[in-house]
Amino acid sequence: MTRDEIVSLLRRRQSAWDAHDAAGMAAVYAETAVAISPTGGVLEGRDEIERINRTWFTAFPDVTWRSDDIIVDGDRVVEVVQFSGTHAGDFFGVPATGRHVDVQMVMVMTLVGGRIAEERRIYDFTGFLVQVGVLKAKPVA
């Protein structure tokens, strides 16, 4: 894929995210894609990726996603994104807290056949849990 084709693929995913369309987001992944995530673990297949996206949209109904940077090296892509939203629904057994989160995430992807075949989602999961209120952090004196 060319850089323009890759950016177009990621823009389609962005549009689906903006519409909170879990199926539309999953459509940019290969049928047998694997996504590795701190929250979802190892997700195998497009249906599991769709399911985890639906979980995010339910738990954070106002969630936004902003792409800050895209680095392309052949079939490998790194995207830096910022997502934010309010924890307003159950999230992996944690009831809504009403707290706002802002998280920067890096996704390392491998593309095959015009779709995402593998994706590693890297972010500060502990910091995310502190923002949601699951973990408490002592301020540094």
C-alpha atoms as a PDB file:
ATOM      1  CA  MET A   1       0.000   0.000   0.000  1.00  0.00           C
ATOM      2  CA  THR A   2       1.089   3.546  -0.614  1.00  0.00           C
ATOM      3  CA  ARG A   3       1.259   6.062   2.197  1.00  0.00           C
ATOM      4  CA  ASP A   4      -1.863   7.778   0.821  1.00  0.00           C
ATOM      5  CA  GLU A   5      -3.771   4.468   0.831  1.00  0.00           C
ATOM      6  CA  ILE A   6      -2.696   3.796   4.408  1.00  0.00           C
ATOM      7  CA  VAL A   7      -3.731   7.272   5.549  1.00  0.00           C
ATOM      8  CA  SER A   8      -7.070   6.757   3.786  1.00  0.00           C
ATOM      9  CA  LEU A   9      -7.569   3.455   5.650  1.00  0.00           C
ATOM     10  CA  LEU A  10      -6.855   5.156   8.980  1.00  0.00           C
ATOM     11  CA  ARG A  11      -9.211   8.019   8.082  1.00  0.00           C
ATOM     12  CA  ARG A  12     -11.991   5.478   7.434  1.00  0.00           C
ATOM     13  CA  ARG A  13     -11.326   4.049  10.876  1.00  0.00           C
ATOM     14  CA  GLN A  14     -11.363   7.585  12.331  1.00  0.00           C
ATOM     15  CA  SER A  15     -14.723   8.304  10.666  1.00  0.00           C
ATOM     16  CA  ALA A  16     -16.181   5.086  12.087  1.00  0.00           C
ATOM     17  CA  TRP A  17     -14.811   5.995  15.546  1.00  0.00           C
ATOM     18  CA  ASP A  18     -16.350   9.482  15.296  1.00  0.00           C
ATOM     19  CA  ALA A  19     -19.706   7.850  14.449  1.00  0.00           C
ATOM     20  CA  HIS A  20     -19.252   5.269  17.258  1.00  0.00           C
ATOM     21  CA  ASP A  21     -19.662   2.601  14.595  1.00  0.00           C
ATOM     22  CA  ALA A  22     -17.952  -0.496  16.027  1.00  0.00           C
ATOM     23  CA  ALA A  23     -18.647  -2.570  12.902  1.00  0.00           C
ATOM     24  CA  GLY A  24     -17.278   0.170  10.658  1.00  0.00           C
ATOM     25  CA  MET A  25     -14.117   0.331  12.742  1.00  0.00           C
ATOM     26  CA  ALA A  26     -13.700  -3.435  12.632  1.00  0.00           C
ATOM     27  CA  ALA A  27     -14.112  -3.408   8.832  1.00  0.00           C
ATOM     28  CA  VAL A  28     -10.602  -1.974   8.366  1.00  0.00           C
ATOM     29  CA  TYR A  29      -9.117  -5.087  10.039  1.00  0.00           C
ATOM     30  CA  ALA A  30      -8.407  -8.389   8.303  1.00  0.00           C
ATOM     31  CA  GLU A  31     -10.908 -11.148   9.119  1.00  0.00           C
ATOM     32  CA  THR A  32      -8.199 -12.959  11.113  1.00  0.00           C
ATOM     33  CA  ALA A  33      -6.581  -9.838  12.587  1.00  0.00           C
ATOM     34  CA  VAL A  34      -5.027  -9.880  16.026  1.00  0.00           C
ATOM     35  CA  ALA A  35      -5.139  -6.848  18.313  1.00  0.00           C
ATOM     36  CA  ILE A  36      -3.222  -6.800  21.588  1.00  0.00           C
ATOM     37  CA  SER A  37      -4.569  -4.374  24.159  1.00  0.00           C
ATOM     38  CA  PRO A  38      -3.996  -3.669  27.860  1.00  0.00           C
ATOM     39  CA  THR A  39      -7.763  -3.724  28.449  1.00  0.00           C
ATOM     40  CA  GLY A  40      -8.934  -6.420  26.056  1.00  0.00           C
ATOM     41  CA  GLY A  41      -5.939  -8.736  26.090  1.00  0.00           C
ATOM     42  CA  VAL A  42      -5.317 -10.640  22.855  1.00  0.00           C
ATOM     43  CA  LEU A  43      -8.265 -10.116  20.536  1.00  0.00           C
ATOM     44  CA  GLU A  44      -8.408 -12.631  17.696  1.00  0.00           C
ATOM     45  CA  GLY A  45     -10.566 -11.885  14.682  1.00  0.00           C
ATOM     46  CA  ARG A  46     -12.627  -8.998  13.421  1.00  0.00           C
ATOM     47  CA  ASP A  47     -15.651  -9.939  15.576  1.00  0.00           C
ATOM     48  CA  GLU A  48     -13.622  -9.666  18.801  1.00  0.00           C
ATOM     49  CA  ILE A  49     -12.182  -6.324  17.695  1.00  0.00           C
ATOM     50  CA  GLU A  50     -15.713  -5.102  16.992  1.00  0.00           C
ATOM     51  CA  ARG A  51     -16.853  -6.341  20.418  1.00  0.00           C
ATOM     52  CA  ILE A  52     -14.105  -4.475  22.291  1.00  0.00           C
ATOM     53  CA  ASN A  53     -14.823  -1.271  20.350  1.00  0.00           C
ATOM     54  CA  ARG A  54     -18.502  -1.583  21.256  1.00  0.00           C
ATOM     55  CA  THR A  55     -17.451  -1.960  24.914  1.00  0.00           C
ATOM     56  CA  TRP A  56     -15.505   1.325  24.699  1.00  0.00           C
ATOM     57  CA  PHE A  57     -18.435   3.158  23.081  1.00  0.00           C
ATOM     58  CA  THR A  58     -20.852   1.888  25.745  1.00  0.00           C
ATOM     59  CA  ALA A  59     -18.585   2.702  28.688  1.00  0.00           C
ATOM     60  CA  PHE A  60     -17.449   6.077  27.299  1.00  0.00           C
ATOM     61  CA  PRO A  61     -20.374   7.329  25.163  1.00  0.00           C
ATOM     62  CA  ASP A  62     -18.743  10.733  24.561  1.00  0.00           C
ATOM     63  CA  VAL A  63     -15.325   9.284  23.711  1.00  0.00           C
ATOM     64  CA  THR A  64     -13.282  11.142  21.120  1.00  0.00           C
ATOM     65  CA  TRP A  65     -10.210  10.049  19.206  1.00  0.00           C
ATOM     66  CA  ARG A  66      -7.620  12.357  17.660  1.00  0.00           C
ATOM     67  CA  SER A  67      -4.760  11.145  15.505  1.00  0.00           C
ATOM     68  CA  ASP A  68      -1.641  13.169  16.250  1.00  0.00           C
ATOM     69  CA  ASP A  69       0.967  11.425  14.125  1.00  0.00           C
ATOM     70  CA  ILE A  70       1.270   8.625  11.571  1.00  0.00           C
ATOM     71  CA  ILE A  71       4.592   6.999  10.705  1.00  0.00           C
ATOM     72  CA  VAL A  72       4.707   4.594   7.754  1.00  0.00           C
ATOM     73  CA  ASP A  73       7.517   2.162   6.971  1.00  0.00           C
ATOM     74  CA  GLY A  74       6.415  -0.226   4.238  1.00  0.00           C
ATOM     75  CA  ASP A  75       3.615  -2.394   5.639  1.00  0.00           C
ATOM     76  CA  ARG A  76       4.308  -1.231   9.217  1.00  0.00           C
ATOM     77  CA  VAL A  77       2.490   1.770  10.654  1.00  0.00           C
ATOM     78  CA  VAL A  78       2.706   3.599  13.964  1.00  0.00           C
ATOM     79  CA  GLU A  79      -0.099   5.943  14.919  1.00  0.00           C
ATOM     80  CA  VAL A  80      -0.098   8.200  17.967  1.00  0.00           C
ATOM     81  CA  VAL A  81      -3.606   9.056  19.147  1.00  0.00           C
ATOM     82  CA  GLN A  82      -5.255  10.892  22.007  1.00  0.00           C
ATOM     83  CA  PHE A  83      -8.564   9.625  23.281  1.00  0.00           C
ATOM     84  CA  SER A  84     -10.738  11.143  25.932  1.00  0.00           C
ATOM     85  CA  GLY A  85     -14.179  10.615  27.350  1.00  0.00           C
ATOM     86  CA  THR A  86     -16.355  10.270  30.403  1.00  0.00           C
ATOM     87  CA  HIS A  87     -16.701   6.901  32.134  1.00  0.00           C
ATOM     88  CA  ALA A  88     -20.510   6.681  31.978  1.00  0.00           C
ATOM     89  CA  GLY A  89     -21.094   2.920  31.633  1.00  0.00           C
ATOM     90  CA  ASP A  90     -19.814  -0.429  32.844  1.00  0.00           C
ATOM     91  CA  PHE A  91     -16.241  -1.072  31.737  1.00  0.00           C
ATOM     92  CA  PHE A  92     -14.928  -4.613  32.303  1.00  0.00           C
ATOM     93  CA  GLY A  93     -16.959  -4.903  35.499  1.00  0.00           C
ATOM     94  CA  VAL A  94     -16.183  -1.404  36.763  1.00  0.00           C
ATOM     95  CA  PRO A  95     -19.428   0.568  37.163  1.00  0.00           C
ATOM     96  CA  ALA A  96     -19.605   4.091  35.781  1.00  0.00           C
ATOM     97  CA  THR A  97     -17.678   6.639  37.824  1.00  0.00           C
ATOM     98  CA  GLY A  98     -18.553   9.782  35.875  1.00  0.00           C
ATOM     99  CA  ARG A  99     -14.857  10.618  35.734  1.00  0.00           C
ATOM    100  CA  HIS A 100     -13.174  12.037  32.636  1.00  0.00           C
ATOM    101  CA  VAL A 101     -10.107  10.386  31.128  1.00  0.00           C
ATOM    102  CA  ASP A 102      -7.462  11.632  28.709  1.00  0.00           C
ATOM    103  CA  VAL A 103      -5.100   8.975  27.418  1.00  0.00           C
ATOM    104  CA  GLN A 104      -2.367   9.058  24.816  1.00  0.00           C
ATOM    105  CA  MET A 105      -1.967   5.771  22.962  1.00  0.00           C
ATOM    106  CA  VAL A 106       0.452   4.406  20.388  1.00  0.00           C
ATOM    107  CA  MET A 107      -0.689   1.732  17.961  1.00  0.00           C
ATOM    108  CA  VAL A 108       1.855  -0.351  16.093  1.00  0.00           C
ATOM    109  CA  MET A 109       0.239  -2.033  13.092  1.00  0.00           C
ATOM    110  CA  THR A 110       1.114  -4.471  10.354  1.00  0.00           C
ATOM    111  CA  LEU A 111      -0.940  -4.235   7.179  1.00  0.00           C
ATOM    112  CA  VAL A 112      -1.704  -7.133   4.837  1.00  0.00           C
ATOM    113  CA  GLY A 113      -3.986  -7.016   1.810  1.00  0.00           C
ATOM    114  CA  GLY A 114      -5.128  -3.461   2.453  1.00  0.00           C
ATOM    115  CA  ARG A 115      -6.270  -4.116   6.034  1.00  0.00           C
ATOM    116  CA  ILE A 116      -4.811  -4.128   9.533  1.00  0.00           C
ATOM    117  CA  ALA A 117      -3.590  -7.672  10.245  1.00  0.00           C
ATOM    118  CA  GLU A 118      -1.931  -7.007  13.595  1.00  0.00           C
ATOM    119  CA  GLU A 119      -2.162  -4.153  16.048  1.00  0.00           C
ATOM    120  CA  ARG A 120      -0.473  -3.533  19.389  1.00  0.00           C
ATOM    121  CA  ARG A 121      -2.139  -0.851  21.483  1.00  0.00           C
ATOM    122  CA  ILE A 122       0.295   0.695  23.933  1.00  0.00           C
ATOM    123  CA  TYR A 123      -0.766   3.120  26.641  1.00  0.00           C
ATOM    124  CA  ASP A 124      -0.420   3.866  30.340  1.00  0.00           C
ATOM    125  CA  PHE A 125      -3.048   1.463  31.665  1.00  0.00           C
ATOM    126  CA  THR A 126      -2.218   2.262  35.294  1.00  0.00           C
ATOM    127  CA  GLY A 127      -2.677   5.978  34.613  1.00  0.00           C
ATOM    128  CA  PHE A 128      -5.976   5.193  32.887  1.00  0.00           C
ATOM    129  CA  LEU A 129      -7.168   3.255  35.980  1.00  0.00           C
ATOM    130  CA  VAL A 130      -6.152   6.165  38.226  1.00  0.00           C
ATOM    131  CA  GLN A 131      -8.147   8.584  36.052  1.00  0.00           C
ATOM    132  CA  VAL A 132     -11.211   6.321  36.167  1.00  0.00           C
ATOM    133  CA  GLY A 133     -10.840   6.080  39.935  1.00  0.00           C
ATOM    134  CA  VAL A 134     -10.157   2.344  40.194  1.00  0.00           C
ATOM    135  CA  LEU A 135      -6.668   2.969  41.602  1.00  0.00           C
ATOM    136  CA  LYS A 136      -5.617   5.711  43.979  1.00  0.00           C
ATOM    137  CA  ALA A 137      -2.332   7.529  43.562  1.00  0.00           C
ATOM    138  CA  LYS A 138      -0.622   9.569  46.240  1.00  0.00           C
ATOM    139  CA  PRO A 139       0.539  12.953  45.037  1.00  0.00           C
ATOM    140  CA  VAL A 140       4.285  13.455  45.210  1.00  0.00           C
ATOM    141  CA  ALA A 141       5.128  15.814  48.078  1.00  0.00           C
END
